[in-house]
Protein backbone atom coordinates (compact mmCIF):
# COMPACT_ATOMS: atom_id res chain seq x y z
CA MET A 1 105.38 69.95 96.29
CA VAL A 2 105.45 70.04 100.22
CA ASN A 3 102.23 71.16 101.80
CA ILE A 4 101.91 72.98 105.38
CA ILE A 5 99.46 72.41 107.45
CA SER A 6 99.01 72.77 111.31
CA LYS A 7 96.69 70.99 114.06
CA TYR A 8 97.41 73.18 116.81
CA ASP A 9 94.40 75.27 119.03
CA SER A 10 92.53 78.00 117.35
CA LYS A 11 94.21 80.85 118.95
CA GLU A 12 97.91 79.74 117.81
CA LEU A 13 96.37 78.77 114.07
CA GLU A 14 95.25 82.53 114.29
CA GLU A 15 98.20 83.85 115.26
CA GLU A 16 99.95 82.00 112.57
CA ARG A 17 97.31 82.97 110.20
CA SER A 18 98.10 86.52 111.20
CA ASN A 19 101.91 86.20 110.81
CA SER A 20 101.77 84.91 107.64
CA SER A 21 99.89 87.86 106.02
CA ARG A 22 102.10 90.21 107.40
CA ILE A 23 105.20 87.81 105.75
CA GLU A 24 103.06 87.69 102.60
CA MET A 25 102.48 91.79 102.26
CA GLN A 26 106.58 92.24 102.92
CA SER A 27 107.41 89.39 100.52
CA THR A 28 105.47 91.04 98.32
CA GLY A 29 107.75 94.28 98.41
CA LEU A 30 110.52 91.75 98.26
CA SER A 31 109.40 89.88 95.16
CA GLY A 32 111.30 91.39 92.65
CA PHE A 33 114.51 91.26 94.75
CA ARG A 34 117.78 91.53 92.90
CA ASN A 35 121.32 91.81 93.05
CA TYR A 36 121.61 94.81 91.38
CA LYS A 37 125.59 94.87 91.29
CA MET A 38 125.15 91.89 89.09
CA ASN A 39 121.72 92.97 87.67
CA ARG A 40 120.30 89.42 88.09
CA PRO A 41 117.90 87.70 90.73
CA ILE A 42 120.36 85.37 93.45
CA LYS A 43 121.00 81.55 92.07
CA LEU A 44 120.40 79.61 95.08
CA LEU A 45 121.55 75.50 94.96
CA ALA A 46 120.07 73.00 97.17
CA VAL A 47 121.99 69.66 97.61
CA GLY A 48 120.20 66.90 98.83
CA SER A 49 122.58 64.22 100.42
CA SER A 50 120.37 61.60 101.72
CA MET A 51 119.97 57.72 99.99
CA ARG A 52 116.81 57.38 101.37
CA GLU A 53 113.50 57.87 98.66
CA ASN A 54 111.39 60.46 100.18
CA SER A 55 113.95 61.91 102.15
CA TYR A 56 112.85 64.47 105.00
CA SER A 57 115.85 66.69 104.98
CA THR A 58 115.83 66.69 101.07
CA MET A 59 112.02 67.07 101.01
CA THR A 60 112.72 70.34 103.46
CA ALA A 61 115.14 71.81 101.20
CA LYS A 62 112.61 71.67 98.11
CA LEU A 63 110.24 73.50 100.32
CA VAL A 64 112.57 76.23 101.30
CA LEU A 65 113.59 76.53 97.64
CA GLN A 66 109.92 77.09 96.60
CA LEU A 67 109.46 79.72 99.32
CA SER A 68 112.71 81.59 98.22
CA ASN A 69 111.56 81.46 94.63
CA LYS A 70 108.07 82.47 94.81
CA GLN A 71 108.38 85.26 97.51
CA TYR A 72 111.40 86.32 96.89
CA GLY A 73 112.39 85.45 93.21
CA ALA A 74 115.31 83.67 93.70
CA GLU A 75 116.63 81.57 90.62
CA THR A 76 116.34 78.18 92.21
CA ARG A 77 117.77 74.51 91.38
CA LEU A 78 118.43 71.10 93.22
CA LEU A 79 121.14 68.70 93.21
CA ASP A 80 119.99 65.59 94.72
CA LEU A 81 123.33 63.45 95.24
CA ARG A 82 120.92 60.09 95.46
CA GLN A 83 120.46 60.57 91.76
CA THR A 84 124.21 62.18 90.64
CA GLY A 85 126.51 59.89 89.88
CA LEU A 86 129.39 61.57 91.62
CA PRO A 87 132.55 59.52 92.19
CA ILE A 88 134.33 59.08 95.09
CA TYR A 89 137.10 62.06 95.60
CA ASN A 90 140.26 61.22 94.81
CA PRO A 91 143.16 63.71 95.69
CA ASP A 92 145.27 62.53 93.11
CA GLY A 93 142.92 63.52 90.27
CA THR A 94 141.87 60.45 88.99
CA SER A 95 138.30 60.97 89.65
CA ASP A 96 136.78 64.26 88.30
CA SER A 97 133.72 65.76 89.14
CA ASN A 98 130.58 64.91 87.71
CA THR A 99 130.03 67.92 84.28
CA GLN A 100 126.68 68.65 85.88
CA VAL A 101 127.58 68.98 89.01
CA GLN A 102 130.65 71.06 88.48
CA TYR A 103 128.28 73.24 86.48
CA LEU A 104 125.62 73.73 89.42
CA VAL A 105 128.23 74.75 91.96
CA ASN A 106 129.88 77.36 89.68
CA TRP A 107 126.28 78.57 88.79
CA ALA A 108 124.94 79.28 92.33
CA ASP A 109 125.53 82.14 94.43
CA ALA A 110 124.40 80.54 97.91
CA PHE A 111 123.42 77.07 98.95
CA ILE A 112 121.49 74.97 101.01
CA LEU A 113 123.07 71.56 102.16
CA ALA A 114 120.19 69.04 103.56
CA SER A 115 121.99 65.98 105.03
CA PRO A 116 120.48 63.20 107.73
CA ASP A 117 122.08 63.01 111.16
CA TYR A 118 124.78 59.91 110.62
CA HIS A 119 126.08 58.94 114.15
CA GLY A 120 126.41 62.77 114.98
CA SER A 121 127.72 63.34 111.46
CA MET A 122 126.57 64.62 108.24
CA SER A 123 126.13 61.69 104.92
CA GLY A 124 128.82 60.20 103.63
CA VAL A 125 127.94 61.24 100.11
CA MET A 126 127.97 64.93 101.61
CA LYS A 127 131.03 64.83 102.69
CA ASN A 128 132.28 63.61 99.17
CA PHE A 129 130.39 66.61 97.59
CA LEU A 130 132.69 69.05 99.92
CA ASP A 131 135.57 67.30 99.22
CA HIS A 132 135.57 67.52 95.63
CA PHE A 133 135.15 71.72 95.41
CA TRP A 134 137.21 74.70 97.49
CA ALA A 135 137.48 77.80 95.79
CA GLU A 136 133.83 77.25 94.18
CA PHE A 137 132.71 77.85 97.48
CA ALA A 138 134.51 81.18 98.14
CA GLY A 139 132.17 84.00 98.95
CA LYS A 140 128.98 82.08 98.99
CA LEU A 141 126.85 82.00 101.79
CA PHE A 142 125.46 78.30 103.06
CA GLY A 143 122.45 77.61 104.73
CA PHE A 144 121.91 74.05 106.61
CA ILE A 145 119.12 71.46 107.31
CA CYS A 146 119.36 68.63 109.33
CA ALA A 147 117.06 65.73 109.72
CA SER A 148 117.83 63.95 113.22
CA HIS A 149 116.18 62.71 116.49
CA GLU A 150 118.22 65.18 118.30
CA LYS A 151 119.17 68.85 117.08
CA GLY A 152 121.93 67.74 114.62
CA LEU A 153 123.78 70.59 115.99
CA THR A 154 127.27 68.50 115.65
CA VAL A 155 126.10 67.66 111.91
CA MET A 156 125.69 71.70 110.80
CA ASP A 157 128.93 72.43 112.44
CA GLN A 158 130.58 69.70 110.91
CA MET A 159 129.14 71.46 107.44
CA ARG A 160 130.09 74.64 108.83
CA THR A 161 133.45 73.71 109.68
CA ALA A 162 133.89 72.25 105.93
CA VAL A 163 132.52 75.76 104.47
CA ARG A 164 134.56 77.82 106.37
CA GLN A 165 138.03 75.72 105.44
CA CYS A 166 136.81 76.87 101.96
CA TYR A 167 136.34 80.67 102.94
CA GLY A 168 132.55 80.10 102.36
CA TRP A 169 130.49 81.98 104.94
CA SER A 170 127.44 80.25 106.92
CA MET A 171 124.25 81.28 108.52
CA PRO A 172 124.17 81.79 112.10
CA TYR A 173 121.80 79.11 112.42
CA GLY A 174 120.22 76.26 110.65
CA ILE A 175 116.94 74.03 110.30
CA SER A 176 116.68 70.89 112.34
CA ILE A 177 113.73 68.32 111.65
CA ASN A 178 112.16 65.23 113.28
CA GLY A 179 110.14 63.28 110.41
CA GLU A 180 108.27 61.90 112.65
CA GLU A 181 106.90 64.91 114.82
CA ASP A 182 107.41 67.89 111.83
CA PHE A 183 105.35 65.70 108.92
CA ASN A 184 102.00 63.71 108.46
CA ASP A 185 102.74 60.28 106.27
CA ARG A 186 101.28 62.80 103.37
CA ALA A 187 104.48 64.74 103.52
CA GLU A 188 103.04 67.86 105.40
CA ILE A 189 104.42 69.83 107.87
CA THR A 190 102.31 69.97 110.91
CA ASN A 191 104.91 72.03 113.19
CA VAL A 192 103.90 75.76 113.22
CA LEU A 193 107.08 76.73 114.73
CA LEU A 194 109.11 74.88 112.19
CA ASN A 195 106.80 76.76 109.65
CA LYS A 196 107.93 80.03 111.04
CA ARG A 197 111.56 79.22 110.75
CA LEU A 198 111.37 77.83 107.29
CA ARG A 199 109.96 80.93 105.89
CA MET A 200 112.48 83.12 108.00
CA PHE A 201 115.45 80.73 106.68
CA ALA A 202 113.99 81.53 102.67
CA ARG A 203 114.15 85.24 103.68
CA ASP A 204 117.60 85.01 105.23
CA ILE A 205 119.28 82.74 102.78
CA VAL A 206 118.07 85.26 99.93
CA VAL A 207 118.79 88.40 101.42
CA TYR A 208 122.13 88.17 103.01
CA GLY A 209 123.60 85.54 100.28
CA ASP A 210 122.98 88.61 97.92
CA LEU A 211 124.87 90.74 99.73
CA ILE A 212 127.73 88.58 100.60
CA ARG A 213 128.00 87.26 97.04
CA ALA A 214 127.61 90.64 95.40
CA GLN A 215 130.01 92.28 97.73
CA PHE A 216 132.74 89.36 97.27
CA MET A 217 132.29 89.96 93.09
CA GLN A 218 132.90 93.60 93.66
CA ASP A 219 136.23 92.94 95.44
CA ILE A 220 137.09 90.43 93.14
CA VAL A 221 136.65 93.11 89.93
CA ASP A 222 138.52 95.95 91.79
CA ASP A 223 142.16 95.87 90.52
CA ASN A 224 142.88 98.52 93.54
CA LEU A 225 141.61 96.97 95.99
CA LEU A 226 144.20 94.71 97.93
CA ASP A 227 143.30 94.60 101.67
CA THR A 228 140.81 91.35 101.33
CA PHE A 229 140.76 87.92 101.14
CA ALA A 230 139.02 87.72 97.74
CA ILE A 231 142.26 88.87 95.77
CA ARG A 232 143.23 84.95 96.18
CA TYR A 233 140.02 84.44 93.53
CA LYS A 234 140.39 87.11 90.96
CA SER A 235 141.42 83.93 88.74
CA LEU A 236 138.05 82.64 88.69
CA LEU A 237 136.32 85.28 87.20
CA ALA A 238 137.65 84.39 83.81
CA GLU A 239 136.05 81.21 84.19
CA GLN A 240 132.87 81.96 85.85
CA LYS A 241 131.96 84.95 84.31
CA PRO A 242 129.49 83.67 81.88
CA LEU A 243 127.49 82.80 85.00
CA ILE A 244 128.31 85.83 87.24
CA THR A 245 127.10 88.54 85.00
């Protein structure tokens, strides 16, 4: 579990505690947040793509899952690609996706993609993960986390580009973290601003992810609706119905 602590002056800490109290009160009203069109909580999958043990990007993704579950009632799961035997994607079809990975991708209503910054790009295992799927990403919201000594903007832009090509939706902002500056040696967050941003991120991925996924599924089942990109994915309904109802 990742803890949040701060080492700022008393005035800033007092403001932070006040903000935390307000957010907690707001989340109380959303603790039973549900997608009433599908009659269940949103299903949120975080994908960690660092090969480093105790990765900061994966650690931050876990924290967002905790916040999304505790404060907004999301069902959450983590797919850690460091521990997953996902083969290199082969377009000739000789490299099938890991069965568990395929299940989780179909299961998810929204995604959090977490990657380190490698030469201004996402990690190789993240790119390989994205290469394995296409239609499964359509009509789902994606949020992005990047561990970087810079801002990780090009990394998140590249992940957004891949998601857009699959007709997925992206949050308009991401989370950039710098391990040495934002965490202490006990894996505790010491950056007050990052603390605030993570709470905002956890709320937005649930609320907007729910809205987008619900509308997409409603469009798929509406036989009279033709003027939407969603009609291309009607064939997915039969395959994913046990996961979306």
